[in-house]
Amino acid sequence: MKLVKRIVVVLVIAFAAFYLITRPQDAANAVQGAIGAVWGAGAAVVDFFMALAAG
C-alpha cells in the first residue's frame, strides 16, 4: 500500500509540473481559485462563530 501511495504522489507532482510548464496562465488561475476557495471557507467559519457568539 505504501508503494501505491508513493506512485500516486509522484504522478500528481509530475502532472502538476507538466501543467505548470505547458499552461502557466491556467496554472496561475487554478492556484488563485484554490486560494480564493480557502479564503472564502475561512471567512465562512469566522462568520459562523461570530453569529454563534452573538447568540
N, C-alpha and C. Protein backbone atom coordinates (compact mmCIF):
# COMPACT_ATOMS: atom_id res chain seq x y z
N MET A 1 0.84 -1.20 0.00
CA MET A 1 0.00 0.00 0.00
C MET A 1 0.87 1.25 0.00
N LYS A 2 2.00 1.19 0.70
CA LYS A 2 2.89 2.33 0.76
C LYS A 2 3.46 2.66 -0.62
N LEU A 3 3.73 1.63 -1.41
CA LEU A 3 4.26 1.83 -2.76
C LEU A 3 3.22 2.50 -3.65
N VAL A 4 1.97 2.11 -3.51
CA VAL A 4 0.90 2.70 -4.32
C VAL A 4 0.76 4.18 -3.98
N LYS A 5 0.81 4.51 -2.71
CA LYS A 5 0.70 5.90 -2.29
C LYS A 5 1.86 6.72 -2.85
N ARG A 6 3.05 6.18 -2.81
CA ARG A 6 4.22 6.87 -3.33
C ARG A 6 4.08 7.10 -4.84
N ILE A 7 3.59 6.09 -5.56
CA ILE A 7 3.41 6.22 -7.01
C ILE A 7 2.37 7.29 -7.32
N VAL A 8 1.28 7.31 -6.57
CA VAL A 8 0.24 8.31 -6.79
C VAL A 8 0.78 9.72 -6.53
N VAL A 9 1.55 9.89 -5.47
CA VAL A 9 2.11 11.20 -5.15
C VAL A 9 3.06 11.66 -6.27
N VAL A 10 3.90 10.75 -6.74
CA VAL A 10 4.83 11.10 -7.83
C VAL A 10 4.05 11.47 -9.09
N LEU A 11 2.99 10.74 -9.41
CA LEU A 11 2.19 11.05 -10.59
C LEU A 11 1.50 12.41 -10.46
N VAL A 12 1.00 12.72 -9.30
CA VAL A 12 0.34 14.01 -9.08
C VAL A 12 1.35 15.15 -9.23
N ILE A 13 2.52 14.98 -8.66
CA ILE A 13 3.55 16.01 -8.76
C ILE A 13 4.00 16.17 -10.22
N ALA A 14 4.16 15.06 -10.91
CA ALA A 14 4.56 15.11 -12.32
C ALA A 14 3.49 15.83 -13.16
N PHE A 15 2.23 15.53 -12.91
CA PHE A 15 1.15 16.19 -13.64
C PHE A 15 1.13 17.69 -13.34
N ALA A 16 1.31 18.05 -12.07
CA ALA A 16 1.32 19.47 -11.70
C ALA A 16 2.48 20.20 -12.38
N ALA A 17 3.66 19.59 -12.41
CA ALA A 17 4.80 20.20 -13.07
C ALA A 17 4.56 20.34 -14.57
N PHE A 18 4.01 19.31 -15.19
CA PHE A 18 3.70 19.36 -16.62
C PHE A 18 2.69 20.46 -16.92
N TYR A 19 1.66 20.57 -16.10
CA TYR A 19 0.63 21.59 -16.28
C TYR A 19 1.22 22.98 -16.11
N LEU A 20 2.08 23.14 -15.12
CA LEU A 20 2.71 24.43 -14.86
C LEU A 20 3.60 24.84 -16.03
N ILE A 21 4.33 23.90 -16.60
CA ILE A 21 5.24 24.22 -17.70
C ILE A 21 4.49 24.48 -19.00
N THR A 22 3.48 23.67 -19.28
CA THR A 22 2.80 23.80 -20.57
C THR A 22 1.70 24.86 -20.59
N ARG A 23 1.09 25.13 -19.44
CA ARG A 23 -0.01 26.11 -19.39
C ARG A 23 0.13 26.97 -18.14
N PRO A 24 1.14 27.85 -18.10
CA PRO A 24 1.39 28.63 -16.88
C PRO A 24 0.23 29.56 -16.49
N GLN A 25 -0.44 30.16 -17.47
CA GLN A 25 -1.55 31.07 -17.15
C GLN A 25 -2.71 30.30 -16.52
N ASP A 26 -3.03 29.13 -17.07
CA ASP A 26 -4.10 28.32 -16.50
C ASP A 26 -3.73 27.81 -15.11
N ALA A 27 -2.45 27.47 -14.92
CA ALA A 27 -1.99 27.01 -13.60
C ALA A 27 -2.13 28.14 -12.58
N ALA A 28 -1.77 29.36 -12.98
CA ALA A 28 -1.90 30.50 -12.07
C ALA A 28 -3.36 30.75 -11.71
N ASN A 29 -4.24 30.63 -12.69
CA ASN A 29 -5.68 30.81 -12.43
C ASN A 29 -6.20 29.73 -11.48
N ALA A 30 -5.72 28.50 -11.65
CA ALA A 30 -6.14 27.41 -10.77
C ALA A 30 -5.69 27.67 -9.33
N VAL A 31 -4.46 28.15 -9.17
CA VAL A 31 -3.96 28.44 -7.82
C VAL A 31 -4.74 29.59 -7.20
N GLN A 32 -5.01 30.63 -7.99
CA GLN A 32 -5.80 31.74 -7.47
C GLN A 32 -7.20 31.29 -7.06
N GLY A 33 -7.79 30.40 -7.84
CA GLY A 33 -9.10 29.87 -7.49
C GLY A 33 -9.07 29.06 -6.21
N ALA A 34 -8.03 28.26 -6.04
CA ALA A 34 -7.90 27.45 -4.82
C ALA A 34 -7.70 28.34 -3.60
N ILE A 35 -6.87 29.36 -3.74
CA ILE A 35 -6.65 30.28 -2.62
C ILE A 35 -7.95 31.02 -2.29
N GLY A 36 -8.68 31.42 -3.31
CA GLY A 36 -9.96 32.08 -3.08
C GLY A 36 -10.96 31.19 -2.37
N ALA A 37 -10.95 29.91 -2.71
CA ALA A 37 -11.86 28.97 -2.05
C ALA A 37 -11.49 28.79 -0.58
N VAL A 38 -10.20 28.67 -0.30
CA VAL A 38 -9.75 28.52 1.09
C VAL A 38 -10.08 29.79 1.88
N TRP A 39 -9.84 30.95 1.26
CA TRP A 39 -10.13 32.22 1.93
C TRP A 39 -11.64 32.34 2.21
N GLY A 40 -12.45 31.95 1.26
CA GLY A 40 -13.90 32.00 1.45
C GLY A 40 -14.38 31.06 2.54
N ALA A 41 -13.77 29.87 2.60
CA ALA A 41 -14.14 28.92 3.65
C ALA A 41 -13.75 29.46 5.02
N GLY A 42 -12.59 30.07 5.10
CA GLY A 42 -12.16 30.66 6.37
C GLY A 42 -13.09 31.78 6.81
N ALA A 43 -13.49 32.61 5.87
CA ALA A 43 -14.41 33.70 6.19
C ALA A 43 -15.76 33.15 6.65
N ALA A 44 -16.21 32.05 6.03
CA ALA A 44 -17.48 31.45 6.43
C ALA A 44 -17.40 30.90 7.85
N VAL A 45 -16.27 30.30 8.20
CA VAL A 45 -16.10 29.77 9.56
C VAL A 45 -16.10 30.92 10.57
N VAL A 46 -15.41 31.99 10.24
CA VAL A 46 -15.39 33.16 11.14
C VAL A 46 -16.80 33.73 11.29
N ASP A 47 -17.54 33.85 10.20
CA ASP A 47 -18.93 34.33 10.27
C ASP A 47 -19.78 33.43 11.15
N PHE A 48 -19.58 32.13 11.02
CA PHE A 48 -20.34 31.18 11.83
C PHE A 48 -20.09 31.41 13.32
N PHE A 49 -18.82 31.52 13.69
CA PHE A 49 -18.52 31.70 15.12
C PHE A 49 -18.94 33.07 15.62
N MET A 50 -18.91 34.09 14.76
CA MET A 50 -19.39 35.41 15.17
C MET A 50 -20.90 35.35 15.43
N ALA A 51 -21.63 34.67 14.56
CA ALA A 51 -23.07 34.54 14.74
C ALA A 51 -23.39 33.69 15.98
N LEU A 52 -22.58 32.69 16.21
CA LEU A 52 -22.77 31.83 17.39
C LEU A 52 -22.52 32.62 18.66
N ALA A 53 -21.50 33.46 18.67
CA ALA A 53 -21.18 34.25 19.84
C ALA A 53 -22.22 35.35 20.08
N ALA A 54 -22.83 35.84 19.00
CA ALA A 54 -23.83 36.90 19.12
C ALA A 54 -25.13 36.37 19.74
N GLY A 55 -25.30 35.08 19.68
CA GLY A 55 -26.44 34.50 20.33
C GLY A 55 -27.57 34.25 19.45
